[in-house]
Amino acid sequence: MAPHPEETADFSAFSKMRRIPLDPESVIGRELLDGFVEFDESFTGHSRIWAVVVKLIGLTAMCSKAVIDLEKQVIELRRELRSRDKA
């Protein structure tokens, strides 16, 4: 028996995102892809509207964290370059 249309998962394309080839050194990208997929799969069977709203909030939070993590790395690299330039 097929699931009720209101209970099918949205954003199922996130499951396909794991196929995106990433550089072996990719850390934040891997965390994002895996987090998106896990988050997406955790809402299977819930009300479609509720799942969409909660997913959007959660995905926004994950992306915000990734931007902050990337900025920290950029700041660290800038400091390292400045210290090399002064030496």
PDB file of N, CA and C in Angstrom:
ATOM      1  N   MET A   1       0.849  -1.181   0.000  1.00  0.00           N
ATOM      2  CA  MET A   1       0.000   0.000   0.000  1.00  0.00           C
ATOM      3  C   MET A   1       0.894   1.243   0.000  1.00  0.00           C
ATOM      4  N   ALA A   2       0.583   2.183  -0.864  1.00  0.00           N
ATOM      5  CA  ALA A   2       1.386   3.405  -1.003  1.00  0.00           C
ATOM      6  C   ALA A   2       1.121   4.339   0.166  1.00  0.00           C
ATOM      7  N   PRO A   3       2.132   5.116   0.578  1.00  0.00           N
ATOM      8  CA  PRO A   3       1.913   6.068   1.668  1.00  0.00           C
ATOM      9  C   PRO A   3       0.960   7.170   1.234  1.00  0.00           C
ATOM     10  N   HIS A   4       0.266   7.722   2.206  1.00  0.00           N
ATOM     11  CA  HIS A   4      -0.651   8.827   1.939  1.00  0.00           C
ATOM     12  C   HIS A   4       0.159   9.991   1.385  1.00  0.00           C
ATOM     13  N   PRO A   5      -0.349  10.714   0.356  1.00  0.00           N
ATOM     14  CA  PRO A   5       0.420  11.818  -0.237  1.00  0.00           C
ATOM     15  C   PRO A   5       0.866  12.871   0.768  1.00  0.00           C
ATOM     16  N   GLU A   6       0.093  13.090   1.815  1.00  0.00           N
ATOM     17  CA  GLU A   6       0.455  14.078   2.828  1.00  0.00           C
ATOM     18  C   GLU A   6       1.610  13.591   3.702  1.00  0.00           C
ATOM     19  N   GLU A   7       1.945  12.298   3.635  1.00  0.00           N
ATOM     20  CA  GLU A   7       2.974  11.748   4.500  1.00  0.00           C
ATOM     21  C   GLU A   7       4.258  11.414   3.754  1.00  0.00           C
ATOM     22  N   THR A   8       4.341  11.742   2.471  1.00  0.00           N
ATOM     23  CA  THR A   8       5.575  11.460   1.744  1.00  0.00           C
ATOM     24  C   THR A   8       6.608  12.537   2.052  1.00  0.00           C
ATOM     25  N   ALA A   9       7.853  12.134   2.056  1.00  0.00           N
ATOM     26  CA  ALA A   9       8.927  13.070   2.392  1.00  0.00           C
ATOM     27  C   ALA A   9       9.154  14.068   1.268  1.00  0.00           C
ATOM     28  N   ASP A  10       9.406  15.306   1.642  1.00  0.00           N
ATOM     29  CA  ASP A  10       9.794  16.331   0.686  1.00  0.00           C
ATOM     30  C   ASP A  10      11.311  16.349   0.617  1.00  0.00           C
ATOM     31  N   PHE A  11      11.860  17.096  -0.310  1.00  0.00           N
ATOM     32  CA  PHE A  11      13.301  17.259  -0.423  1.00  0.00           C
ATOM     33  C   PHE A  11      14.026  15.926  -0.569  1.00  0.00           C
ATOM     34  N   SER A  12      13.392  14.949  -1.211  1.00  0.00           N
ATOM     35  CA  SER A  12      14.039  13.647  -1.344  1.00  0.00           C
ATOM     36  C   SER A  12      15.323  13.741  -2.157  1.00  0.00           C
ATOM     37  N   ALA A  13      15.499  14.843  -2.868  1.00  0.00           N
ATOM     38  CA  ALA A  13      16.744  15.024  -3.621  1.00  0.00           C
ATOM     39  C   ALA A  13      17.951  15.084  -2.693  1.00  0.00           C
ATOM     40  N   PHE A  14      17.761  15.375  -1.411  1.00  0.00           N
ATOM     41  CA  PHE A  14      18.875  15.402  -0.477  1.00  0.00           C
ATOM     42  C   PHE A  14      19.543  14.041  -0.382  1.00  0.00           C
ATOM     43  N   SER A  15      18.751  12.973  -0.506  1.00  0.00           N
ATOM     44  CA  SER A  15      19.341  11.636  -0.467  1.00  0.00           C
ATOM     45  C   SER A  15      20.294  11.432  -1.631  1.00  0.00           C
ATOM     46  N   LYS A  16      20.012  12.063  -2.753  1.00  0.00           N
ATOM     47  CA  LYS A  16      20.872  11.946  -3.929  1.00  0.00           C
ATOM     48  C   LYS A  16      22.121  12.816  -3.801  1.00  0.00           C
ATOM     49  N   MET A  17      22.117  13.747  -2.861  1.00  0.00           N
ATOM     50  CA  MET A  17      23.253  14.656  -2.699  1.00  0.00           C
ATOM     51  C   MET A  17      24.516  13.920  -2.271  1.00  0.00           C
ATOM     52  N   ARG A  18      24.365  12.770  -1.636  1.00  0.00           N
ATOM     53  CA  ARG A  18      25.546  12.020  -1.196  1.00  0.00           C
ATOM     54  C   ARG A  18      26.384  11.561  -2.391  1.00  0.00           C
ATOM     55  N   ARG A  19      25.793  11.573  -3.579  1.00  0.00           N
ATOM     56  CA  ARG A  19      26.523  11.172  -4.790  1.00  0.00           C
ATOM     57  C   ARG A  19      27.415  12.295  -5.318  1.00  0.00           C
ATOM     58  N   ILE A  20      27.287  13.499  -4.792  1.00  0.00           N
ATOM     59  CA  ILE A  20      28.094  14.622  -5.263  1.00  0.00           C
ATOM     60  C   ILE A  20      29.550  14.353  -4.893  1.00  0.00           C
ATOM     61  N   PRO A  21      30.439  14.355  -5.883  1.00  0.00           N
ATOM     62  CA  PRO A  21      31.844  14.104  -5.559  1.00  0.00           C
ATOM     63  C   PRO A  21      32.459  15.294  -4.831  1.00  0.00           C
ATOM     64  N   LEU A  22      33.046  15.022  -3.679  1.00  0.00           N
ATOM     65  CA  LEU A  22      33.709  16.057  -2.898  1.00  0.00           C
ATOM     66  C   LEU A  22      35.195  15.747  -2.822  1.00  0.00           C
ATOM     67  N   ASP A  23      35.971  16.777  -2.629  1.00  0.00           N
ATOM     68  CA  ASP A  23      37.400  16.606  -2.424  1.00  0.00           C
ATOM     69  C   ASP A  23      37.592  15.749  -1.170  1.00  0.00           C
ATOM     70  N   PRO A  24      38.574  14.865  -1.173  1.00  0.00           N
ATOM     71  CA  PRO A  24      38.794  14.021   0.007  1.00  0.00           C
ATOM     72  C   PRO A  24      39.026  14.821   1.298  1.00  0.00           C
ATOM     73  N   GLU A  25      39.504  16.060   1.171  1.00  0.00           N
ATOM     74  CA  GLU A  25      39.745  16.889   2.353  1.00  0.00           C
ATOM     75  C   GLU A  25      38.508  17.675   2.785  1.00  0.00           C
ATOM     76  N   SER A  26      37.427  17.533   2.063  1.00  0.00           N
ATOM     77  CA  SER A  26      36.206  18.269   2.396  1.00  0.00           C
ATOM     78  C   SER A  26      35.662  17.797   3.738  1.00  0.00           C
ATOM     79  N   VAL A  27      35.525  18.735   4.646  1.00  0.00           N
ATOM     80  CA  VAL A  27      34.992  18.410   5.967  1.00  0.00           C
ATOM     81  C   VAL A  27      33.602  19.032   6.107  1.00  0.00           C
ATOM     82  N   ILE A  28      33.511  20.323   5.907  1.00  0.00           N
ATOM     83  CA  ILE A  28      32.242  21.025   6.090  1.00  0.00           C
ATOM     84  C   ILE A  28      31.235  20.591   5.033  1.00  0.00           C
ATOM     85  N   GLY A  29      31.690  20.438   3.803  1.00  0.00           N
ATOM     86  CA  GLY A  29      30.789  19.972   2.746  1.00  0.00           C
ATOM     87  C   GLY A  29      30.222  18.598   3.050  1.00  0.00           C
ATOM     88  N   ARG A  30      31.069  17.705   3.531  1.00  0.00           N
ATOM     89  CA  ARG A  30      30.622  16.349   3.891  1.00  0.00           C
ATOM     90  C   ARG A  30      29.626  16.413   5.051  1.00  0.00           C
ATOM     91  N   GLU A  31      29.930  17.246   6.056  1.00  0.00           N
ATOM     92  CA  GLU A  31      29.012  17.385   7.193  1.00  0.00           C
ATOM     93  C   GLU A  31      27.650  17.896   6.719  1.00  0.00           C
ATOM     94  N   LEU A  32      27.664  18.886   5.828  1.00  0.00           N
ATOM     95  CA  LEU A  32      26.406  19.429   5.317  1.00  0.00           C
ATOM     96  C   LEU A  32      25.620  18.382   4.555  1.00  0.00           C
ATOM     97  N   LEU A  33      26.273  17.704   3.615  1.00  0.00           N
ATOM     98  CA  LEU A  33      25.568  16.694   2.822  1.00  0.00           C
ATOM     99  C   LEU A  33      24.986  15.603   3.707  1.00  0.00           C
ATOM    100  N   ASP A  34      25.796  15.077   4.613  1.00  0.00           N
ATOM    101  CA  ASP A  34      25.311  14.021   5.503  1.00  0.00           C
ATOM    102  C   ASP A  34      24.200  14.532   6.415  1.00  0.00           C
ATOM    103  N   GLY A  35      24.372  15.758   6.908  1.00  0.00           N
ATOM    104  CA  GLY A  35      23.334  16.344   7.768  1.00  0.00           C
ATOM    105  C   GLY A  35      22.026  16.553   7.038  1.00  0.00           C
ATOM    106  N   PHE A  36      22.095  17.037   5.795  1.00  0.00           N
ATOM    107  CA  PHE A  36      20.875  17.225   4.996  1.00  0.00           C
ATOM    108  C   PHE A  36      20.141  15.904   4.810  1.00  0.00           C
ATOM    109  N   VAL A  37      20.893  14.863   4.470  1.00  0.00           N
ATOM    110  CA  VAL A  37      20.270  13.556   4.221  1.00  0.00           C
ATOM    111  C   VAL A  37      19.649  13.006   5.497  1.00  0.00           C
ATOM    112  N   GLU A  38      20.399  13.051   6.598  1.00  0.00           N
ATOM    113  CA  GLU A  38      19.860  12.546   7.864  1.00  0.00           C
ATOM    114  C   GLU A  38      18.621  13.324   8.283  1.00  0.00           C
ATOM    115  N   PHE A  39      18.693  14.629   8.137  1.00  0.00           N
ATOM    116  CA  PHE A  39      17.567  15.480   8.505  1.00  0.00           C
ATOM    117  C   PHE A  39      16.358  15.153   7.642  1.00  0.00           C
ATOM    118  N   ASP A  40      16.574  15.001   6.341  1.00  0.00           N
ATOM    119  CA  ASP A  40      15.498  14.685   5.402  1.00  0.00           C
ATOM    120  C   ASP A  40      14.853  13.354   5.743  1.00  0.00           C
ATOM    121  N   GLU A  41      15.682  12.344   5.984  1.00  0.00           N
ATOM    122  CA  GLU A  41      15.151  11.010   6.257  1.00  0.00           C
ATOM    123  C   GLU A  41      14.428  10.936   7.593  1.00  0.00           C
ATOM    124  N   SER A  42      14.739  11.816   8.516  1.00  0.00           N
ATOM    125  CA  SER A  42      14.099  11.773   9.829  1.00  0.00           C
ATOM    126  C   SER A  42      12.647  12.241   9.793  1.00  0.00           C
ATOM    127  N   PHE A  43      12.218  12.840   8.693  1.00  0.00           N
ATOM    128  CA  PHE A  43      10.849  13.353   8.617  1.00  0.00           C
ATOM    129  C   PHE A  43       9.934  12.505   7.747  1.00  0.00           C
ATOM    130  N   THR A  44      10.370  11.334   7.343  1.00  0.00           N
ATOM    131  CA  THR A  44       9.520  10.452   6.560  1.00  0.00           C
ATOM    132  C   THR A  44       8.336  10.025   7.417  1.00  0.00           C
ATOM    133  N   GLY A  45       7.148  10.155   6.859  1.00  0.00           N
ATOM    134  CA  GLY A  45       5.944   9.742   7.565  1.00  0.00           C
ATOM    135  C   GLY A  45       5.244  10.837   8.337  1.00  0.00           C
ATOM    136  N   HIS A  46       5.824  12.032   8.417  1.00  0.00           N
ATOM    137  CA  HIS A  46       5.188  13.143   9.117  1.00  0.00           C
ATOM    138  C   HIS A  46       4.311  13.940   8.154  1.00  0.00           C
ATOM    139  N   SER A  47       3.479  14.768   8.710  1.00  0.00           N
ATOM    140  CA  SER A  47       2.645  15.662   7.908  1.00  0.00           C
ATOM    141  C   SER A  47       3.536  16.473   6.981  1.00  0.00           C
ATOM    142  N   ARG A  48       3.146  16.573   5.729  1.00  0.00           N
ATOM    143  CA  ARG A  48       3.967  17.234   4.711  1.00  0.00           C
ATOM    144  C   ARG A  48       4.248  18.697   5.062  1.00  0.00           C
ATOM    145  N   ILE A  49       3.225  19.436   5.444  1.00  0.00           N
ATOM    146  CA  ILE A  49       3.396  20.860   5.764  1.00  0.00           C
ATOM    147  C   ILE A  49       4.316  21.024   6.965  1.00  0.00           C
ATOM    148  N   TRP A  50       4.074  20.245   8.012  1.00  0.00           N
ATOM    149  CA  TRP A  50       4.896  20.315   9.208  1.00  0.00           C
ATOM    150  C   TRP A  50       6.348  19.974   8.874  1.00  0.00           C
ATOM    151  N   ALA A  51       6.547  18.929   8.092  1.00  0.00           N
ATOM    152  CA  ALA A  51       7.895  18.502   7.733  1.00  0.00           C
ATOM    153  C   ALA A  51       8.617  19.583   6.933  1.00  0.00           C
ATOM    154  N   VAL A  52       7.933  20.232   6.006  1.00  0.00           N
ATOM    155  CA  VAL A  52       8.556  21.276   5.187  1.00  0.00           C
ATOM    156  C   VAL A  52       9.005  22.440   6.060  1.00  0.00           C
ATOM    157  N   VAL A  53       8.138  22.897   6.946  1.00  0.00           N
ATOM    158  CA  VAL A  53       8.469  24.036   7.806  1.00  0.00           C
ATOM    159  C   VAL A  53       9.653  23.706   8.711  1.00  0.00           C
ATOM    160  N   VAL A  54       9.610  22.566   9.357  1.00  0.00           N
ATOM    161  CA  VAL A  54      10.687  22.192  10.278  1.00  0.00           C
ATOM    162  C   VAL A  54      11.988  21.959   9.513  1.00  0.00           C
ATOM    163  N   LYS A  55      11.899  21.350   8.323  1.00  0.00           N
ATOM    164  CA  LYS A  55      13.100  21.128   7.522  1.00  0.00           C
ATOM    165  C   LYS A  55      13.736  22.456   7.120  1.00  0.00           C
ATOM    166  N   LEU A  56      12.936  23.394   6.708  1.00  0.00           N
ATOM    167  CA  LEU A  56      13.485  24.685   6.304  1.00  0.00           C
ATOM    168  C   LEU A  56      14.194  25.380   7.463  1.00  0.00           C
ATOM    169  N   ILE A  57      13.609  25.312   8.633  1.00  0.00           N
ATOM    170  CA  ILE A  57      14.245  25.905   9.809  1.00  0.00           C
ATOM    171  C   ILE A  57      15.552  25.178  10.119  1.00  0.00           C
ATOM    172  N   GLY A  58      15.512  23.866  10.119  1.00  0.00           N
ATOM    173  CA  GLY A  58      16.704  23.079  10.420  1.00  0.00           C
ATOM    174  C   GLY A  58      17.802  23.253   9.385  1.00  0.00           C
ATOM    175  N   LEU A  59      17.435  23.272   8.121  1.00  0.00           N
ATOM    176  CA  LEU A  59      18.422  23.427   7.059  1.00  0.00           C
ATOM    177  C   LEU A  59      19.059  24.806   7.104  1.00  0.00           C
ATOM    178  N   THR A  60      18.263  25.810   7.452  1.00  0.00           N
ATOM    179  CA  THR A  60      18.814  27.157   7.607  1.00  0.00           C
ATOM    180  C   THR A  60      19.854  27.175   8.726  1.00  0.00           C
ATOM    181  N   ALA A  61      19.550  26.507   9.817  1.00  0.00           N
ATOM    182  CA  ALA A  61      20.495  26.447  10.935  1.00  0.00           C
ATOM    183  C   ALA A  61      21.778  25.719  10.531  1.00  0.00           C
ATOM    184  N   MET A  62      21.647  24.616   9.794  1.00  0.00           N
ATOM    185  CA  MET A  62      22.836  23.873   9.362  1.00  0.00           C
ATOM    186  C   MET A  62      23.709  24.712   8.438  1.00  0.00           C
ATOM    187  N   CYS A  63      23.077  25.419   7.511  1.00  0.00           N
ATOM    188  CA  CYS A  63      23.839  26.271   6.584  1.00  0.00           C
ATOM    189  C   CYS A  63      24.512  27.421   7.330  1.00  0.00           C
ATOM    190  N   SER A  64      23.823  27.991   8.297  1.00  0.00           N
ATOM    191  CA  SER A  64      24.411  29.078   9.090  1.00  0.00           C
ATOM    192  C   SER A  64      25.635  28.593   9.840  1.00  0.00           C
ATOM    193  N   LYS A  65      25.544  27.416  10.441  1.00  0.00           N
ATOM    194  CA  LYS A  65      26.688  26.845  11.161  1.00  0.00           C
ATOM    195  C   LYS A  65      27.847  26.610  10.202  1.00  0.00           C
ATOM    196  N   ALA A  66      27.565  26.118   9.003  1.00  0.00           N
ATOM    197  CA  ALA A  66      28.625  25.864   8.025  1.00  0.00           C
ATOM    198  C   ALA A  66      29.325  27.159   7.628  1.00  0.00           C
ATOM    199  N   VAL A  67      28.559  28.229   7.439  1.00  0.00           N
ATOM    200  CA  VAL A  67      29.153  29.526   7.089  1.00  0.00           C
ATOM    201  C   VAL A  67      30.049  30.012   8.218  1.00  0.00           C
ATOM    202  N   ILE A  68      29.590  29.878   9.446  1.00  0.00           N
ATOM    203  CA  ILE A  68      30.390  30.297  10.602  1.00  0.00           C
ATOM    204  C   ILE A  68      31.678  29.470  10.685  1.00  0.00           C
ATOM    205  N   ASP A  69      31.573  28.158  10.476  1.00  0.00           N
ATOM    206  CA  ASP A  69      32.762  27.299  10.501  1.00  0.00           C
ATOM    207  C   ASP A  69      33.753  27.689   9.408  1.00  0.00           C
ATOM    208  N   LEU A  70      33.241  27.974   8.222  1.00  0.00           N
ATOM    209  CA  LEU A  70      34.116  28.384   7.123  1.00  0.00           C
ATOM    210  C   LEU A  70      34.787  29.722   7.421  1.00  0.00           C
ATOM    211  N   GLU A  71      34.026  30.646   7.989  1.00  0.00           N
ATOM    212  CA  GLU A  71      34.601  31.949   8.321  1.00  0.00           C
ATOM    213  C   GLU A  71      35.719  31.806   9.348  1.00  0.00           C
ATOM    214  N   LYS A  72      35.533  30.928  10.326  1.00  0.00           N
ATOM    215  CA  LYS A  72      36.582  30.686  11.321  1.00  0.00           C
ATOM    216  C   LYS A  72      37.860  30.205  10.646  1.00  0.00           C
ATOM    217  N   GLN A  73      37.715  29.314   9.663  1.00  0.00           N
ATOM    218  CA  GLN A  73      38.885  28.801   8.963  1.00  0.00           C
ATOM    219  C   GLN A  73      39.562  29.896   8.141  1.00  0.00           C
ATOM    220  N   VAL A  74      38.764  30.737   7.500  1.00  0.00           N
ATOM    221  CA  VAL A  74      39.319  31.842   6.712  1.00  0.00           C
ATOM    222  C   VAL A  74      40.069  32.813   7.618  1.00  0.00           C
ATOM    223  N   ILE A  75      39.498  33.141   8.763  1.00  0.00           N
ATOM    224  CA  ILE A  75      40.158  34.050   9.717  1.00  0.00           C
ATOM    225  C   ILE A  75      41.479  33.449  10.182  1.00  0.00           C
ATOM    226  N   GLU A  76      41.462  32.163  10.483  1.00  0.00           N
ATOM    227  CA  GLU A  76      42.688  31.489  10.926  1.00  0.00           C
ATOM    228  C   GLU A  76      43.761  31.536   9.829  1.00  0.00           C
ATOM    229  N   LEU A  77      43.365  31.309   8.587  1.00  0.00           N
ATOM    230  CA  LEU A  77      44.318  31.370   7.472  1.00  0.00           C
ATOM    231  C   LEU A  77      44.852  32.790   7.265  1.00  0.00           C
ATOM    232  N   ARG A  78      43.990  33.788   7.411  1.00  0.00           N
ATOM    233  CA  ARG A  78      44.435  35.181   7.286  1.00  0.00           C
ATOM    234  C   ARG A  78      45.473  35.515   8.346  1.00  0.00           C
ATOM    235  N   ARG A  79      45.232  35.085   9.576  1.00  0.00           N
ATOM    236  CA  ARG A  79      46.181  35.335  10.661  1.00  0.00           C
ATOM    237  C   ARG A  79      47.511  34.647  10.389  1.00  0.00           C
ATOM    238  N   GLU A  80      47.434  33.440   9.881  1.00  0.00           N
ATOM    239  CA  GLU A  80      48.654  32.695   9.565  1.00  0.00           C
ATOM    240  C   GLU A  80      49.440  33.411   8.462  1.00  0.00           C
ATOM    241  N   LEU A  81      48.749  33.897   7.445  1.00  0.00           N
ATOM    242  CA  LEU A  81      49.424  34.627   6.364  1.00  0.00           C
ATOM    243  C   LEU A  81      50.030  35.935   6.862  1.00  0.00           C
ATOM    244  N   ARG A  82      49.313  36.659   7.716  1.00  0.00           N
ATOM    245  CA  ARG A  82      49.850  37.899   8.279  1.00  0.00           C
ATOM    246  C   ARG A  82      51.106  37.639   9.087  1.00  0.00           C
ATOM    247  N   SER A  83      51.105  36.581   9.862  1.00  0.00           N
ATOM    248  CA  SER A  83      52.291  36.285  10.677  1.00  0.00           C
ATOM    249  C   SER A  83      53.469  35.884   9.797  1.00  0.00           C
ATOM    250  N   ARG A  84      53.216  35.245   8.684  1.00  0.00           N
ATOM    251  CA  ARG A  84      54.293  34.918   7.737  1.00  0.00           C
ATOM    252  C   ARG A  84      54.849  36.163   7.086  1.00  0.00           C
ATOM    253  N   ASP A  85      53.940  37.100   6.741  1.00  0.00           N
ATOM    254  CA  ASP A  85      54.366  38.346   6.094  1.00  0.00           C
ATOM    255  C   ASP A  85      55.227  39.185   7.038  1.00  0.00           C
ATOM    256  N   LYS A  86      54.931  39.164   8.319  1.00  0.00           N
ATOM    257  CA  LYS A  86      55.685  39.966   9.296  1.00  0.00           C
ATOM    258  C   LYS A  86      57.044  39.361   9.598  1.00  0.00           C
ATOM    259  N   ALA A  87      57.174  38.053   9.368  1.00  0.00           N
ATOM    260  CA  ALA A  87      58.439  37.369   9.698  1.00  0.00           C
ATOM    261  C   ALA A  87      59.520  37.621   8.676  1.00  0.00           C
TER     262      ALA A  87
END
